[in-house]
Amino acid sequence: MDRTRTLTRILLALLCAVLALGGAWTLRQNFAHTRAALEEQYTLEHLRTQLALADAVAGAQDPQAVSGAVQEYRRASRVPGRSDGGTLALLDTGGMILWSDIPVNAVPYATLRRCVAAGTGQLLYCRAGGALYLLMASPLSGMADEVWLLSAYDMSGLLAEQARQLRGWLLLLGTVLVLVAAALAVTDLVQREAERRARFLAAFSHELKTPMTAILGYADLLRSGEQAPALRQRGADYIYHEATRVENLSRALLALFGLQGKRRLHREAVPAAALFGEVVRGLPPGITNVRCIAPEGAAVRGDRALLGTLLRNLVLNAAHASAPGAPIEMLCTPCRGGWRLTVRDRGCGIPPEDLPHVTEAFYRVDKSRARRNGDGSGNGLGLRLCADIARAHGSRLHIESTVGEGTAIRLDLPAGEVEA
C-alpha cells in the first residue's frame, strides 16, 4: 500500500510538472508566433507608407515643405492616428525632427535617434508609459537631403493578450493542482481505510482464534473420557471464561458498529452525580475504590446510556492499569460552555510511543494484562468505543499520561438544564 501511494504521488507530480512546462512552452510559442506575425504586418505597412511618402515629399526643399506634404498625405489617406496605433516621424540625418505625430510621452527622442542609427530593416522595441512600441526606420528617396521615415506601432495589445492567456493558464494550473491534491487526499484516505480494515480483520481473527482454540481444546478434553474433578472444573472454568470474552467482544463490536452506522443519539440533560452513581453500581465485583466528585446541579447534555458505557470502560481500563486497591477518580469540573468529565488513576501510565494508538481497535499497551480478568474488558475495543462515543457527542478524548504516575482521560460536553 505504501508503494502504491508513493507511485501515485510520483505519477501525479509528473503530470503536474508536464502540464506546467507544457503550458509555459505553449504560451511562449503563441506569443512568439503572434509577435512575428505583427512584425511582418507592420513591416509591410511601413514599406507601403515609405513608398507613398516618397512620392508625396518628392522635391521638397525645406522642413516646412516636408511637413506640409506629410500632413496632406495623412489627410488624404484618412488615417489620422491610425486604428492600429501606427504613428510616424520624419528625421533628417542630423537627428532633427522634421515632422511627427508620435506622442511626446510615448517614445523618447533618444530612442527615435537610436532607431534611425540602427538602419533599414532593424526592429527596435521600446517600453514607455506602460506601453510597448515597435519602431522601424528607412530613408525616403527623392529629396535633396536624406530624410528618414520612422514608424512607431503600439504593441500593448499583444502584452494584454499574453497577460490574459497567462492568467487563464495559471487558473487552469491552479485548478488542476487543487484537483490533484484532492485526488491525493481521497486516494490516501481510501488506501488508509483499506489498511485499517485489513488490520482490523486480522486483529479480530486473532482475537477469536485464541479463545476458540482454548474452548475447543478443553471441550475435546472433557468429552474424551472421564477426567479428574479438578481437571473438569478447570476446563469448565476456562471454557466459561473464554466464552464470556467472546460474548463481550461481540457486544463491543455491535456497539462500535452501531456508532459508526450513525446511530441517532438520545440527547438529554444528564446529572453528573447520578451518572457517576450508575457507573459505579454497574462495575464488576472487586472494583470498589472509585471516588466520584461532581458539583451539585452539574449536568451534561448527551446520550445517558452511551456516556455510561464510556465512563464504565474508562474506569475498567483504570482498574486494569492500577494495583489492587489503588484509587480511581471520576470528576466533573466546569469548562468553557459546559462540564468536563475526567477519569483519573494512579496506575502504571501509558508510554509516549503508545499514546497515539491507544484508541485503535484491538491495540493493547500491555498484552500481559489483557486477559487476566473474566469480564471481557481486555478485548482492545474499550478506548476505541469511548473515542467513537465522544466523537458522536461532538467532543474528543484528551489523554494525559505519565509512566509510573498514572493516566487522566477527559472529554468536554455541553451543559444540560435539568428540569426542576
Protein backbone atom coordinates (compact mmCIF):
# COMPACT_ATOMS: atom_id res chain seq x y z
CA MET A 1 0.00 0.00 0.00
CA ASP A 2 2.82 2.42 0.83
CA ARG A 3 4.47 1.68 -2.52
CA THR A 4 1.16 2.26 -4.29
CA ARG A 5 0.69 5.62 -2.57
CA THR A 6 4.25 6.65 -3.41
CA LEU A 7 3.85 5.64 -7.05
CA THR A 8 0.55 7.51 -7.28
CA ARG A 9 2.13 10.66 -5.86
CA ILE A 10 5.06 10.41 -8.28
CA LEU A 11 2.77 9.97 -11.30
CA LEU A 12 0.56 12.90 -10.28
CA ALA A 13 3.62 15.07 -9.61
CA LEU A 14 4.96 14.21 -13.07
CA LEU A 15 1.57 15.04 -14.56
CA CYS A 16 1.59 18.45 -12.88
CA ALA A 17 5.17 19.11 -14.00
CA VAL A 18 4.36 18.17 -17.60
CA LEU A 19 1.27 20.37 -17.53
CA ALA A 20 3.20 23.31 -16.10
CA LEU A 21 6.13 23.02 -18.52
CA GLY A 22 3.87 22.27 -21.47
CA GLY A 23 1.63 25.22 -20.71
CA ALA A 24 4.58 27.58 -20.31
CA TRP A 25 6.10 26.37 -23.60
CA THR A 26 2.76 26.72 -25.42
CA LEU A 27 2.27 30.28 -24.14
CA ARG A 28 5.79 31.19 -25.17
CA GLN A 29 5.28 29.76 -28.66
CA ASN A 30 1.92 31.50 -29.07
CA PHE A 31 3.43 34.82 -28.01
CA ALA A 32 6.41 34.42 -30.34
CA HIS A 33 4.14 33.45 -33.28
CA THR A 34 1.77 36.39 -32.70
CA ARG A 35 4.66 38.83 -32.34
CA ALA A 36 6.29 37.57 -35.53
CA ALA A 37 3.01 37.93 -37.41
CA LEU A 38 2.56 41.50 -36.17
CA GLU A 39 6.15 42.37 -37.00
CA GLU A 40 5.64 41.13 -40.56
CA GLN A 41 2.34 43.02 -40.88
CA TYR A 42 3.79 46.28 -39.57
CA THR A 43 6.93 45.95 -41.71
CA LEU A 44 4.78 45.73 -44.84
CA GLU A 45 2.72 48.73 -43.71
CA HIS A 46 5.90 50.68 -43.09
CA LEU A 47 7.16 49.89 -46.61
CA ARG A 48 3.84 50.96 -48.16
CA THR A 49 3.96 54.20 -46.19
CA GLN A 50 7.59 54.74 -47.24
CA LEU A 51 6.72 54.42 -50.94
CA ALA A 52 3.66 56.66 -50.65
CA LEU A 53 5.51 59.38 -48.71
CA ALA A 54 8.45 59.25 -51.09
CA ASP A 55 6.09 60.41 -53.85
CA ALA A 56 4.33 62.91 -51.56
CA VAL A 57 7.51 64.76 -50.47
CA ALA A 58 9.43 64.43 -53.71
CA GLY A 59 11.14 67.72 -54.50
CA ALA A 60 10.51 69.30 -51.09
CA GLN A 61 13.45 71.57 -50.26
CA ASP A 62 12.84 72.64 -46.65
CA PRO A 63 11.29 71.25 -43.41
CA GLN A 64 8.12 73.30 -43.83
CA ALA A 65 7.52 71.87 -47.27
CA VAL A 66 8.15 68.35 -45.97
CA SER A 67 5.77 68.87 -43.02
CA GLY A 68 3.04 70.22 -45.28
CA ALA A 69 3.42 67.33 -47.72
CA VAL A 70 3.22 64.75 -44.94
CA GLN A 71 0.15 66.37 -43.38
CA GLU A 72 -1.57 66.43 -46.75
CA TYR A 73 -0.70 62.76 -47.19
CA ARG A 74 -2.16 61.91 -43.79
CA ARG A 75 -5.39 63.75 -44.57
CA ALA A 76 -5.67 62.18 -47.98
CA SER A 77 -5.13 58.67 -46.64
CA ARG A 78 -7.72 59.29 -43.88
CA VAL A 79 -5.73 57.54 -41.20
CA PRO A 80 -5.06 60.30 -38.65
CA GLY A 81 -3.63 58.42 -35.69
CA ARG A 82 -4.45 55.04 -37.27
CA SER A 83 -6.69 52.44 -35.69
CA ASP A 84 -3.72 50.08 -35.36
CA GLY A 85 -1.78 52.62 -33.30
CA GLY A 86 0.78 53.38 -36.02
CA THR A 87 2.31 56.85 -35.87
CA LEU A 88 5.02 58.49 -37.99
CA ALA A 89 8.01 60.78 -37.72
CA LEU A 90 10.47 62.28 -40.26
CA LEU A 91 14.04 62.95 -39.14
CA ASP A 92 16.99 64.34 -41.10
CA THR A 93 20.45 62.86 -40.93
CA GLY A 94 21.35 65.25 -38.13
CA GLY A 95 18.58 63.88 -35.95
CA MET A 96 16.27 66.87 -36.22
CA ILE A 97 12.57 66.04 -36.30
CA LEU A 98 11.05 67.46 -39.48
CA TRP A 99 7.53 66.23 -38.69
CA SER A 100 5.98 63.81 -36.16
CA ASP A 101 2.63 62.66 -34.83
CA ILE A 102 4.24 60.32 -32.29
CA PRO A 103 3.12 61.42 -28.80
CA VAL A 104 5.98 63.05 -26.93
CA ASN A 105 5.44 60.87 -23.84
CA ALA A 106 5.20 57.66 -25.90
CA VAL A 107 8.68 57.30 -27.39
CA PRO A 108 11.66 59.32 -26.09
CA TYR A 109 13.63 61.38 -28.62
CA ALA A 110 16.81 59.43 -27.87
CA THR A 111 15.03 56.24 -28.86
CA LEU A 112 13.97 57.78 -32.17
CA ARG A 113 17.58 58.65 -32.96
CA ARG A 114 18.75 55.18 -31.91
CA CYS A 115 16.21 53.62 -34.29
CA VAL A 116 17.48 55.74 -37.18
CA ALA A 117 21.06 54.85 -36.29
CA ALA A 118 20.15 51.12 -36.37
CA GLY A 119 19.42 51.44 -40.10
CA THR A 120 16.99 49.97 -42.57
CA GLY A 121 15.27 46.70 -41.70
CA GLN A 122 16.10 46.79 -37.99
CA LEU A 123 13.29 46.43 -35.47
CA LEU A 124 13.51 48.13 -32.11
CA TYR A 125 11.19 47.72 -29.10
CA CYS A 126 10.61 50.49 -26.58
CA ARG A 127 8.63 50.46 -23.33
CA ALA A 128 7.23 53.82 -22.30
CA GLY A 129 4.28 54.85 -20.14
CA GLY A 130 3.26 51.24 -19.52
CA ALA A 131 3.03 50.56 -23.28
CA LEU A 132 5.23 48.65 -25.71
CA TYR A 133 6.13 50.16 -29.06
CA LEU A 134 7.68 48.59 -32.16
CA LEU A 135 9.95 51.01 -34.08
CA MET A 136 11.44 50.77 -37.56
CA ALA A 137 13.09 53.32 -39.85
CA SER A 138 14.09 53.63 -43.51
CA PRO A 139 15.27 56.52 -45.74
CA LEU A 140 12.95 58.41 -48.11
CA SER A 141 14.23 58.87 -51.65
CA GLY A 142 13.51 61.76 -53.98
CA MET A 143 14.59 64.57 -51.66
CA ALA A 144 17.51 66.98 -51.83
CA ASP A 145 18.69 65.91 -48.38
CA GLU A 146 18.40 62.45 -46.89
CA VAL A 147 15.30 62.09 -44.72
CA TRP A 148 14.38 59.06 -42.60
CA LEU A 149 10.85 57.79 -42.10
CA LEU A 150 10.26 56.31 -38.67
CA SER A 151 7.12 54.29 -37.81
CA ALA A 152 6.01 53.50 -34.26
CA TYR A 153 3.37 50.82 -33.61
CA ASP A 154 1.69 50.27 -30.26
CA MET A 155 2.11 46.60 -29.28
CA SER A 156 0.36 46.90 -25.89
CA GLY A 157 -2.50 44.73 -27.14
CA LEU A 158 -0.05 41.88 -27.56
CA LEU A 159 1.08 42.27 -23.96
CA ALA A 160 -2.53 42.37 -22.75
CA GLU A 161 -3.34 39.20 -24.67
CA GLN A 162 -0.25 37.49 -23.27
CA ALA A 163 -1.29 38.51 -19.74
CA ARG A 164 -4.82 37.22 -20.37
CA GLN A 165 -3.52 33.87 -21.60
CA LEU A 166 -1.12 33.69 -18.66
CA ARG A 167 -3.95 34.31 -16.18
CA GLY A 168 -6.06 31.65 -17.87
CA TRP A 169 -3.20 29.18 -17.79
CA LEU A 170 -2.44 29.91 -14.14
CA LEU A 171 -6.12 29.46 -13.31
CA LEU A 172 -6.13 26.14 -15.14
CA LEU A 173 -2.91 25.06 -13.46
CA GLY A 174 -4.24 26.07 -10.04
CA THR A 175 -7.46 24.15 -10.67
CA VAL A 176 -5.51 21.07 -11.72
CA LEU A 177 -3.28 21.32 -8.64
CA VAL A 178 -6.33 21.59 -6.39
CA LEU A 179 -7.91 18.58 -8.09
CA VAL A 180 -4.66 16.63 -7.84
CA ALA A 181 -4.38 17.49 -4.14
CA ALA A 182 -7.99 16.40 -3.63
CA ALA A 183 -7.34 13.20 -5.57
CA LEU A 184 -4.27 12.51 -3.44
CA ALA A 185 -6.23 13.13 -0.26
CA VAL A 186 -9.09 10.88 -1.37
CA THR A 187 -6.71 8.19 -2.61
CA ASP A 188 -4.72 8.33 0.60
CA LEU A 189 -7.91 8.19 2.65
CA VAL A 190 -9.24 5.21 0.69
CA GLN A 191 -5.94 3.31 0.91
CA ARG A 192 -5.58 4.07 4.61
CA GLU A 193 -9.15 2.92 5.20
CA ALA A 194 -8.35 -0.31 3.36
CA GLU A 195 -5.26 -0.79 5.52
CA ARG A 196 -7.26 -0.04 8.66
CA ARG A 197 -9.92 -2.57 7.70
CA ALA A 198 -7.25 -5.16 6.91
CA ARG A 199 -5.60 -4.62 10.30
CA PHE A 200 -8.99 -4.70 11.99
CA LEU A 201 -9.92 -8.03 10.38
CA ALA A 202 -6.51 -9.52 11.16
CA ALA A 203 -6.74 -8.44 14.81
CA PHE A 204 -10.35 -9.60 15.07
CA SER A 205 -9.43 -13.00 13.62
CA HIS A 206 -6.65 -13.29 16.16
CA GLU A 207 -8.99 -12.28 18.99
CA LEU A 208 -11.41 -15.04 18.01
CA LYS A 209 -8.76 -17.65 17.29
CA THR A 210 -7.23 -17.61 20.78
CA PRO A 211 -10.41 -18.19 22.84
CA MET A 212 -11.92 -20.58 20.29
CA THR A 213 -8.75 -22.67 20.30
CA ALA A 214 -8.86 -22.86 24.09
CA ILE A 215 -12.60 -23.66 24.15
CA LEU A 216 -12.23 -26.42 21.56
CA GLY A 217 -9.19 -27.86 23.33
CA TYR A 218 -10.84 -28.09 26.74
CA ALA A 219 -14.14 -29.27 25.24
CA ASP A 220 -12.33 -32.06 23.41
CA LEU A 221 -10.53 -32.96 26.63
CA LEU A 222 -13.78 -33.12 28.62
CA ARG A 223 -15.56 -35.27 26.05
CA SER A 224 -12.63 -37.66 25.59
CA GLY A 225 -13.43 -39.56 28.76
CA GLU A 226 -13.73 -39.41 32.50
CA GLN A 227 -11.39 -36.80 33.96
CA ALA A 228 -10.39 -35.92 37.47
CA PRO A 229 -12.84 -33.49 39.15
CA ALA A 230 -10.17 -30.79 39.48
CA LEU A 231 -9.34 -31.01 35.76
CA ARG A 232 -13.02 -30.96 34.78
CA GLN A 233 -13.59 -27.89 36.95
CA ARG A 234 -10.58 -26.11 35.49
CA GLY A 235 -11.70 -26.94 31.95
CA ALA A 236 -15.24 -25.73 32.61
CA ASP A 237 -13.95 -22.53 34.21
CA TYR A 238 -11.67 -21.88 31.25
CA ILE A 239 -14.45 -22.54 28.74
CA TYR A 240 -16.75 -20.18 30.66
CA HIS A 241 -14.01 -17.55 30.89
CA GLU A 242 -13.20 -17.60 27.16
CA ALA A 243 -16.86 -17.80 26.11
CA THR A 244 -17.52 -14.70 28.24
CA ARG A 245 -14.69 -12.93 26.47
CA VAL A 246 -16.16 -13.79 23.05
CA GLU A 247 -19.61 -12.63 24.18
CA ASN A 248 -18.26 -9.30 25.44
CA LEU A 249 -16.22 -8.90 22.30
CA SER A 250 -19.33 -9.34 20.15
CA ARG A 251 -21.25 -6.82 22.27
CA ALA A 252 -18.43 -4.29 21.96
CA LEU A 253 -18.32 -4.80 18.21
CA LEU A 254 -22.08 -4.33 17.90
CA ALA A 255 -21.87 -1.12 19.93
CA LEU A 256 -18.95 0.08 17.82
CA PHE A 257 -20.68 -0.67 14.51
CA GLY A 258 -23.85 0.95 15.82
CA LEU A 259 -21.99 4.21 16.37
CA GLN A 260 -20.25 4.01 13.02
CA GLY A 261 -23.66 3.40 11.44
CA LYS A 262 -24.66 6.95 12.51
CA ARG A 263 -26.88 5.86 15.35
CA ARG A 264 -29.07 8.75 16.39
CA LEU A 265 -28.25 9.92 19.89
CA HIS A 266 -30.95 10.38 22.50
CA ARG A 267 -29.75 13.68 23.94
CA GLU A 268 -31.00 14.77 27.31
CA ALA A 269 -29.79 16.57 30.41
CA VAL A 270 -27.87 14.01 32.47
CA PRO A 271 -26.95 14.90 36.08
CA ALA A 272 -23.26 14.12 36.54
CA ALA A 273 -23.66 12.75 40.09
CA ALA A 274 -26.43 10.36 39.03
CA LEU A 275 -24.42 9.24 36.00
CA PHE A 276 -21.38 8.52 38.17
CA GLY A 277 -23.55 6.54 40.60
CA GLU A 278 -24.94 4.36 37.80
CA VAL A 279 -21.44 3.63 36.55
CA VAL A 280 -20.19 2.62 40.00
CA ARG A 281 -23.18 0.35 40.60
CA GLY A 282 -22.54 -1.45 37.31
CA LEU A 283 -18.86 -2.21 37.92
CA PRO A 284 -17.66 -5.83 38.43
CA PRO A 285 -17.16 -7.05 41.99
CA GLY A 286 -13.81 -6.09 43.41
CA ILE A 287 -13.64 -2.58 41.97
CA THR A 288 -14.75 -0.57 44.97
CA ASN A 289 -12.11 2.15 45.21
CA VAL A 290 -13.79 4.64 42.85
CA ARG A 291 -14.21 8.18 44.19
CA CYS A 292 -16.84 10.39 42.50
CA ILE A 293 -16.74 14.18 42.66
CA ALA A 294 -19.45 16.25 40.95
CA PRO A 295 -20.77 19.70 41.91
CA GLU A 296 -24.39 19.85 42.93
CA GLY A 297 -26.59 20.63 39.95
CA ALA A 298 -23.92 19.82 37.36
CA ALA A 299 -25.49 18.19 34.31
CA VAL A 300 -24.23 17.41 30.80
CA ARG A 301 -26.22 17.12 27.60
CA GLY A 302 -25.84 13.77 25.84
CA ASP A 303 -26.94 10.17 25.46
CA ARG A 304 -27.17 8.77 29.00
CA ALA A 305 -26.59 5.13 28.03
CA LEU A 306 -23.60 5.87 25.80
CA LEU A 307 -21.99 8.20 28.33
CA GLY A 308 -22.41 5.50 30.96
CA THR A 309 -20.69 2.98 28.65
CA LEU A 310 -17.85 5.44 28.04
CA LEU A 311 -17.22 6.10 31.73
CA ARG A 312 -17.52 2.40 32.62
CA ASN A 313 -14.89 1.46 30.04
CA LEU A 314 -12.57 4.20 31.27
CA VAL A 315 -12.93 3.04 34.88
CA LEU A 316 -12.29 -0.60 33.87
CA ASN A 317 -9.15 0.46 31.98
CA ALA A 318 -8.03 2.45 35.01
CA ALA A 319 -8.58 -0.55 37.28
CA HIS A 320 -6.59 -2.84 34.96
CA ALA A 321 -3.71 -0.36 34.88
CA SER A 322 -3.64 0.11 38.67
CA ALA A 323 -2.55 -2.00 41.57
CA PRO A 324 -5.37 -3.63 43.61
CA GLY A 325 -6.91 -1.04 45.91
CA ALA A 326 -5.34 1.95 44.16
CA PRO A 327 -7.72 4.93 43.99
CA ILE A 328 -9.66 5.84 40.85
CA GLU A 329 -11.47 9.16 40.46
CA MET A 330 -14.42 10.25 38.34
CA LEU A 331 -14.53 14.03 38.27
CA CYS A 332 -16.90 16.64 36.89
CA THR A 333 -15.39 20.12 36.64
CA PRO A 334 -16.54 23.26 34.83
CA CYS A 335 -15.10 24.14 31.43
CA ARG A 336 -15.94 26.78 28.87
CA GLY A 337 -19.51 26.26 27.77
CA GLY A 338 -20.16 23.13 29.79
CA TRP A 339 -18.65 20.44 32.00
CA ARG A 340 -15.54 18.30 31.81
CA LEU A 341 -15.78 14.61 32.74
CA THR A 342 -12.49 13.04 33.80
CA VAL A 343 -11.43 9.55 34.85
CA ARG A 344 -8.07 9.54 36.63
CA ASP A 345 -5.95 6.74 38.06
CA ARG A 346 -2.60 6.33 39.80
CA GLY A 347 -1.58 3.32 37.75
CA CYS A 348 1.32 2.36 35.52
CA GLY A 349 0.68 5.02 32.88
CA ILE A 350 0.96 4.82 29.11
CA PRO A 351 4.33 5.08 27.31
CA PRO A 352 4.54 8.13 24.97
CA GLU A 353 5.00 5.93 21.89
CA ASP A 354 1.71 4.15 22.63
CA LEU A 355 -0.42 7.26 23.24
CA PRO A 356 -1.26 7.94 19.57
CA HIS A 357 -2.52 4.36 19.13
CA VAL A 358 -4.49 3.55 22.27
CA THR A 359 -7.84 4.38 20.63
CA GLU A 360 -7.20 1.98 17.74
CA ALA A 361 -9.24 -1.20 17.69
CA PHE A 362 -7.53 -4.17 19.40
CA TYR A 363 -4.49 -2.11 20.39
CA ARG A 364 -3.11 -3.04 23.80
CA VAL A 365 -0.37 -1.26 25.69
CA ASP A 366 0.33 -4.23 27.97
CA LYS A 367 -0.76 -7.55 26.49
CA SER A 368 0.26 -9.42 29.64
CA ARG A 369 -2.70 -7.88 31.48
CA ALA A 370 -5.13 -8.03 28.58
CA ARG A 371 -6.84 -11.28 29.50
CA ARG A 372 -6.35 -11.61 33.22
CA ASN A 373 -9.97 -10.75 34.10
CA GLY A 374 -13.05 -12.73 33.18
CA ASP A 375 -15.27 -9.73 32.36
CA GLY A 376 -14.01 -9.49 28.81
CA SER A 377 -12.70 -5.95 29.20
CA GLY A 378 -9.35 -6.85 27.74
CA ASN A 379 -10.59 -7.12 24.15
CA GLY A 380 -8.83 -3.99 22.96
CA LEU A 381 -12.02 -2.22 21.92
CA GLY A 382 -12.76 -0.20 25.06
CA LEU A 383 -10.92 3.02 24.25
CA ARG A 384 -11.88 2.80 20.57
CA LEU A 385 -15.54 2.65 21.61
CA CYS A 386 -15.00 5.54 24.04
CA ALA A 387 -13.41 7.63 21.29
CA ASP A 388 -16.35 6.96 18.97
CA ILE A 389 -18.87 7.86 21.69
CA ALA A 390 -17.02 11.12 22.39
CA ARG A 391 -16.93 11.90 18.65
CA ALA A 392 -20.66 11.19 18.34
CA HIS A 393 -21.20 13.87 21.02
CA GLY A 394 -19.09 16.39 19.12
CA SER A 395 -16.16 16.04 21.51
CA ARG A 396 -12.97 14.02 21.70
CA LEU A 397 -10.94 12.14 24.26
CA HIS A 398 -7.98 14.01 25.74
CA ILE A 399 -5.45 11.60 27.22
CA GLU A 400 -2.67 12.70 29.56
CA SER A 401 -0.40 10.04 30.99
CA THR A 402 2.94 9.68 32.72
CA VAL A 403 4.61 6.30 33.04
CA GLY A 404 4.68 5.25 36.68
CA GLU A 405 2.35 8.04 37.82
CA GLY A 406 -1.00 7.41 36.16
CA THR A 407 -3.40 8.46 33.45
CA ALA A 408 -6.19 11.03 33.14
CA ILE A 409 -8.74 10.81 30.29
CA ARG A 410 -11.29 13.59 29.84
CA LEU A 411 -13.90 14.89 27.46
CA ASP A 412 -15.77 18.18 27.38
CA LEU A 413 -19.55 18.22 26.99
CA PRO A 414 -22.12 20.99 26.79
CA ALA A 415 -24.12 21.77 29.88
CA GLY A 416 -27.63 20.40 30.21
CA GLU A 417 -30.50 22.01 32.04
CA VAL A 418 -32.27 19.72 34.49
CA GLU A 419 -35.95 20.44 34.95
CA ALA A 420 -36.82 21.46 38.49
